[in-house]
Amino acid sequence: MRRETYIDDNTVETDFALKGLSAQDCIEILGRIRKQAVEALEKFTDDDLDRMIPYETNGNRYESSLRWILHHVTEHEAGHRGQIAMIKRLLREAKI
């Protein structure tokens, strides 16, 4: 999953089209990421919400509670939903 996300991608300035990815490619990648996320999260229970999860980013080690991680993932996704809504509105107004 990490290879398909921008977490470890230093080329975020590269457009999907320049990478040769079609809209269908992007939808398929998102589907795989979603499936893997559900598989990783479905093993947790409410009792795990305050469990600390260690992880490493850019050579630094951190620990966060599952509750904190889920809160920030939800917040991140909400931002994307807003972006999608804005793009849809712009496309409607442009009558493309």
N, C-alpha and C. Protein backbone atom coordinates (compact mmCIF):
# COMPACT_ATOMS: atom_id res chain seq x y z
N MET A 1 0.83 -1.19 0.00
CA MET A 1 0.00 0.00 0.00
C MET A 1 0.87 1.25 0.00
N ARG A 2 1.95 1.27 0.77
CA ARG A 2 2.77 2.47 0.88
C ARG A 2 3.34 2.90 -0.47
N ARG A 3 3.64 1.93 -1.36
CA ARG A 3 4.21 2.29 -2.66
C ARG A 3 3.19 3.00 -3.53
N GLU A 4 1.90 2.79 -3.28
CA GLU A 4 0.87 3.40 -4.11
C GLU A 4 0.40 4.75 -3.57
N THR A 5 0.84 5.11 -2.40
CA THR A 5 0.45 6.39 -1.83
C THR A 5 1.63 7.34 -1.93
N TYR A 6 1.39 8.59 -1.59
CA TYR A 6 2.45 9.60 -1.66
C TYR A 6 3.35 9.61 -0.43
N ILE A 7 3.12 8.74 0.53
CA ILE A 7 3.90 8.74 1.76
C ILE A 7 5.40 8.69 1.46
N ASP A 8 5.80 7.79 0.59
CA ASP A 8 7.22 7.60 0.28
C ASP A 8 7.56 8.12 -1.11
N ASP A 9 6.73 8.98 -1.66
CA ASP A 9 6.93 9.44 -3.03
C ASP A 9 7.48 10.86 -3.02
N ASN A 10 8.70 11.03 -3.48
CA ASN A 10 9.32 12.35 -3.53
C ASN A 10 8.97 13.09 -4.81
N THR A 11 8.04 12.54 -5.60
CA THR A 11 7.70 13.16 -6.88
C THR A 11 6.28 13.68 -6.86
N VAL A 12 5.83 14.21 -5.75
CA VAL A 12 4.43 14.66 -5.65
C VAL A 12 4.13 15.80 -6.62
N GLU A 13 5.16 16.43 -7.15
CA GLU A 13 4.90 17.49 -8.13
C GLU A 13 4.55 16.91 -9.50
N THR A 14 4.72 15.61 -9.66
CA THR A 14 4.43 14.95 -10.93
C THR A 14 2.95 14.64 -11.01
N ASP A 15 2.32 15.11 -12.05
CA ASP A 15 0.90 14.89 -12.29
C ASP A 15 0.64 13.42 -12.61
N PHE A 16 -0.55 12.92 -12.26
CA PHE A 16 -0.89 11.53 -12.57
C PHE A 16 -0.77 11.25 -14.06
N ALA A 17 -1.20 12.20 -14.90
CA ALA A 17 -1.13 12.00 -16.34
C ALA A 17 0.33 11.88 -16.80
N LEU A 18 1.22 12.65 -16.19
CA LEU A 18 2.64 12.57 -16.56
C LEU A 18 3.24 11.23 -16.13
N LYS A 19 2.63 10.61 -15.12
CA LYS A 19 3.07 9.28 -14.71
C LYS A 19 2.44 8.20 -15.57
N GLY A 20 1.58 8.62 -16.50
CA GLY A 20 0.92 7.66 -17.39
C GLY A 20 -0.28 6.98 -16.76
N LEU A 21 -0.84 7.56 -15.70
CA LEU A 21 -1.99 6.96 -15.03
C LEU A 21 -3.28 7.55 -15.55
N SER A 22 -4.20 6.67 -15.92
CA SER A 22 -5.52 7.12 -16.36
C SER A 22 -6.42 7.28 -15.13
N ALA A 23 -7.60 7.83 -15.36
CA ALA A 23 -8.58 7.94 -14.28
C ALA A 23 -8.90 6.55 -13.73
N GLN A 24 -9.04 5.57 -14.63
CA GLN A 24 -9.33 4.20 -14.20
C GLN A 24 -8.19 3.64 -13.35
N ASP A 25 -6.94 3.91 -13.74
CA ASP A 25 -5.79 3.48 -12.94
C ASP A 25 -5.89 4.03 -11.52
N CYS A 26 -6.21 5.32 -11.42
CA CYS A 26 -6.31 5.97 -10.11
C CYS A 26 -7.41 5.35 -9.28
N ILE A 27 -8.56 5.08 -9.90
CA ILE A 27 -9.68 4.46 -9.18
C ILE A 27 -9.28 3.08 -8.68
N GLU A 28 -8.58 2.31 -9.50
CA GLU A 28 -8.13 0.98 -9.09
C GLU A 28 -7.13 1.04 -7.95
N ILE A 29 -6.20 1.98 -8.01
CA ILE A 29 -5.22 2.16 -6.92
C ILE A 29 -5.94 2.51 -5.63
N LEU A 30 -6.89 3.45 -5.70
CA LEU A 30 -7.64 3.84 -4.51
C LEU A 30 -8.43 2.66 -3.96
N GLY A 31 -8.97 1.84 -4.82
CA GLY A 31 -9.70 0.65 -4.38
C GLY A 31 -8.80 -0.32 -3.63
N ARG A 32 -7.59 -0.53 -4.15
CA ARG A 32 -6.64 -1.42 -3.46
C ARG A 32 -6.22 -0.84 -2.11
N ILE A 33 -5.97 0.47 -2.07
CA ILE A 33 -5.58 1.11 -0.81
C ILE A 33 -6.70 0.97 0.21
N ARG A 34 -7.95 1.22 -0.21
CA ARG A 34 -9.09 1.10 0.69
C ARG A 34 -9.21 -0.33 1.23
N LYS A 35 -9.10 -1.32 0.34
CA LYS A 35 -9.20 -2.73 0.75
C LYS A 35 -8.13 -3.06 1.79
N GLN A 36 -6.91 -2.63 1.55
CA GLN A 36 -5.83 -2.92 2.48
C GLN A 36 -6.04 -2.21 3.81
N ALA A 37 -6.57 -0.99 3.78
CA ALA A 37 -6.83 -0.26 5.02
C ALA A 37 -7.91 -0.96 5.84
N VAL A 38 -8.98 -1.40 5.17
CA VAL A 38 -10.04 -2.11 5.88
C VAL A 38 -9.50 -3.40 6.49
N GLU A 39 -8.71 -4.14 5.74
CA GLU A 39 -8.12 -5.39 6.26
C GLU A 39 -7.24 -5.12 7.47
N ALA A 40 -6.47 -4.03 7.44
CA ALA A 40 -5.58 -3.71 8.56
C ALA A 40 -6.37 -3.27 9.79
N LEU A 41 -7.46 -2.54 9.57
CA LEU A 41 -8.22 -1.98 10.70
C LEU A 41 -9.27 -2.91 11.27
N GLU A 42 -9.77 -3.86 10.49
CA GLU A 42 -10.87 -4.69 10.96
C GLU A 42 -10.49 -5.61 12.12
N LYS A 43 -9.21 -5.81 12.36
CA LYS A 43 -8.78 -6.67 13.46
C LYS A 43 -8.82 -5.95 14.81
N PHE A 44 -8.96 -4.62 14.80
CA PHE A 44 -8.99 -3.86 16.04
C PHE A 44 -10.40 -3.80 16.61
N THR A 45 -10.47 -3.63 17.94
CA THR A 45 -11.75 -3.48 18.62
C THR A 45 -11.77 -2.15 19.35
N ASP A 46 -12.90 -1.82 19.96
CA ASP A 46 -13.00 -0.60 20.75
C ASP A 46 -11.94 -0.56 21.85
N ASP A 47 -11.60 -1.72 22.40
CA ASP A 47 -10.59 -1.78 23.47
C ASP A 47 -9.21 -1.36 22.98
N ASP A 48 -8.99 -1.37 21.67
CA ASP A 48 -7.69 -1.01 21.10
C ASP A 48 -7.55 0.49 20.83
N LEU A 49 -8.61 1.27 21.00
CA LEU A 49 -8.57 2.68 20.62
C LEU A 49 -7.46 3.48 21.31
N ASP A 50 -7.15 3.15 22.54
CA ASP A 50 -6.10 3.88 23.26
C ASP A 50 -4.76 3.15 23.25
N ARG A 51 -4.69 2.08 22.50
CA ARG A 51 -3.43 1.34 22.34
C ARG A 51 -2.47 2.19 21.51
N MET A 52 -1.21 2.24 21.92
CA MET A 52 -0.20 3.02 21.22
C MET A 52 0.37 2.18 20.06
N ILE A 53 0.45 2.81 18.90
CA ILE A 53 0.93 2.15 17.69
C ILE A 53 2.26 2.81 17.30
N PRO A 54 3.37 2.04 17.31
CA PRO A 54 4.65 2.63 16.89
C PRO A 54 4.75 2.68 15.36
N TYR A 55 5.41 3.72 14.85
CA TYR A 55 5.65 3.82 13.42
C TYR A 55 6.87 4.70 13.19
N GLU A 56 7.39 4.63 11.98
CA GLU A 56 8.58 5.40 11.63
C GLU A 56 8.30 6.24 10.39
N THR A 57 8.73 7.48 10.41
CA THR A 57 8.60 8.38 9.27
C THR A 57 9.90 9.16 9.13
N ASN A 58 10.47 9.12 7.94
CA ASN A 58 11.71 9.86 7.65
C ASN A 58 12.81 9.57 8.68
N GLY A 59 12.91 8.32 9.10
CA GLY A 59 13.95 7.93 10.05
C GLY A 59 13.65 8.25 11.50
N ASN A 60 12.51 8.88 11.78
CA ASN A 60 12.11 9.20 13.15
C ASN A 60 11.05 8.22 13.62
N ARG A 61 11.18 7.77 14.87
CA ARG A 61 10.20 6.84 15.44
C ARG A 61 9.18 7.61 16.27
N TYR A 62 7.91 7.22 16.12
CA TYR A 62 6.81 7.87 16.84
C TYR A 62 5.87 6.81 17.39
N GLU A 63 5.01 7.22 18.30
CA GLU A 63 3.93 6.39 18.79
C GLU A 63 2.68 7.26 18.88
N SER A 64 1.57 6.73 18.40
CA SER A 64 0.29 7.43 18.50
C SER A 64 -0.78 6.42 18.84
N SER A 65 -1.82 6.88 19.50
CA SER A 65 -2.91 5.97 19.82
C SER A 65 -3.71 5.71 18.55
N LEU A 66 -4.35 4.56 18.51
CA LEU A 66 -5.21 4.23 17.38
C LEU A 66 -6.32 5.27 17.26
N ARG A 67 -6.82 5.77 18.37
CA ARG A 67 -7.86 6.81 18.37
C ARG A 67 -7.35 8.06 17.63
N TRP A 68 -6.11 8.49 17.93
CA TRP A 68 -5.52 9.68 17.29
C TRP A 68 -5.35 9.44 15.79
N ILE A 69 -4.86 8.24 15.43
CA ILE A 69 -4.64 7.91 14.03
C ILE A 69 -5.96 7.94 13.26
N LEU A 70 -7.00 7.30 13.81
CA LEU A 70 -8.30 7.27 13.13
C LEU A 70 -8.89 8.67 13.01
N HIS A 71 -8.73 9.49 14.05
CA HIS A 71 -9.22 10.86 14.00
C HIS A 71 -8.57 11.63 12.84
N HIS A 72 -7.26 11.51 12.72
CA HIS A 72 -6.55 12.25 11.68
C HIS A 72 -6.78 11.68 10.28
N VAL A 73 -6.98 10.37 10.17
CA VAL A 73 -7.32 9.79 8.87
C VAL A 73 -8.70 10.31 8.44
N THR A 74 -9.64 10.35 9.38
CA THR A 74 -10.98 10.85 9.08
C THR A 74 -10.93 12.31 8.67
N GLU A 75 -10.15 13.10 9.39
CA GLU A 75 -10.00 14.52 9.07
C GLU A 75 -9.37 14.70 7.68
N HIS A 76 -8.38 13.89 7.37
CA HIS A 76 -7.71 13.93 6.06
C HIS A 76 -8.70 13.61 4.95
N GLU A 77 -9.48 12.55 5.13
CA GLU A 77 -10.46 12.16 4.13
C GLU A 77 -11.52 13.24 3.95
N ALA A 78 -11.93 13.90 5.03
CA ALA A 78 -12.92 14.98 4.93
C ALA A 78 -12.38 16.11 4.04
N GLY A 79 -11.10 16.39 4.15
CA GLY A 79 -10.49 17.41 3.30
C GLY A 79 -10.59 17.03 1.84
N HIS A 80 -10.34 15.75 1.53
CA HIS A 80 -10.45 15.29 0.16
C HIS A 80 -11.89 15.38 -0.35
N ARG A 81 -12.85 15.07 0.53
CA ARG A 81 -14.25 15.17 0.11
C ARG A 81 -14.58 16.61 -0.27
N GLY A 82 -14.06 17.55 0.49
CA GLY A 82 -14.27 18.95 0.15
C GLY A 82 -13.65 19.32 -1.18
N GLN A 83 -12.45 18.79 -1.44
CA GLN A 83 -11.80 19.04 -2.73
C GLN A 83 -12.61 18.47 -3.88
N ILE A 84 -13.13 17.27 -3.69
CA ILE A 84 -13.94 16.63 -4.73
C ILE A 84 -15.20 17.45 -4.99
N ALA A 85 -15.85 17.91 -3.92
CA ALA A 85 -17.07 18.72 -4.07
C ALA A 85 -16.76 20.01 -4.83
N MET A 86 -15.62 20.63 -4.53
CA MET A 86 -15.25 21.87 -5.22
C MET A 86 -14.98 21.61 -6.71
N ILE A 87 -14.28 20.54 -7.02
CA ILE A 87 -13.99 20.20 -8.41
C ILE A 87 -15.29 19.93 -9.17
N LYS A 88 -16.21 19.19 -8.55
CA LYS A 88 -17.49 18.92 -9.20
C LYS A 88 -18.24 20.21 -9.48
N ARG A 89 -18.23 21.13 -8.53
CA ARG A 89 -18.93 22.41 -8.71
C ARG A 89 -18.29 23.20 -9.85
N LEU A 90 -16.96 23.24 -9.88
CA LEU A 90 -16.26 23.96 -10.95
C LEU A 90 -16.56 23.36 -12.32
N LEU A 91 -16.62 22.04 -12.39
CA LEU A 91 -16.92 21.37 -13.66
C LEU A 91 -18.35 21.68 -14.10
N ARG A 92 -19.31 21.68 -13.15
CA ARG A 92 -20.69 22.02 -13.48
C ARG A 92 -20.79 23.44 -14.00
N GLU A 93 -20.10 24.35 -13.34
CA GLU A 93 -20.15 25.76 -13.73
C GLU A 93 -19.49 25.98 -15.09
N ALA A 94 -18.44 25.20 -15.40
CA ALA A 94 -17.75 25.34 -16.68
C ALA A 94 -18.53 24.67 -17.80
N LYS A 95 -19.52 23.83 -17.43
CA LYS A 95 -20.35 23.11 -18.40
C LYS A 95 -19.50 22.30 -19.39
N ILE A 96 -18.53 21.57 -18.81
CA ILE A 96 -17.66 20.73 -19.65
C ILE A 96 -18.36 19.42 -19.93
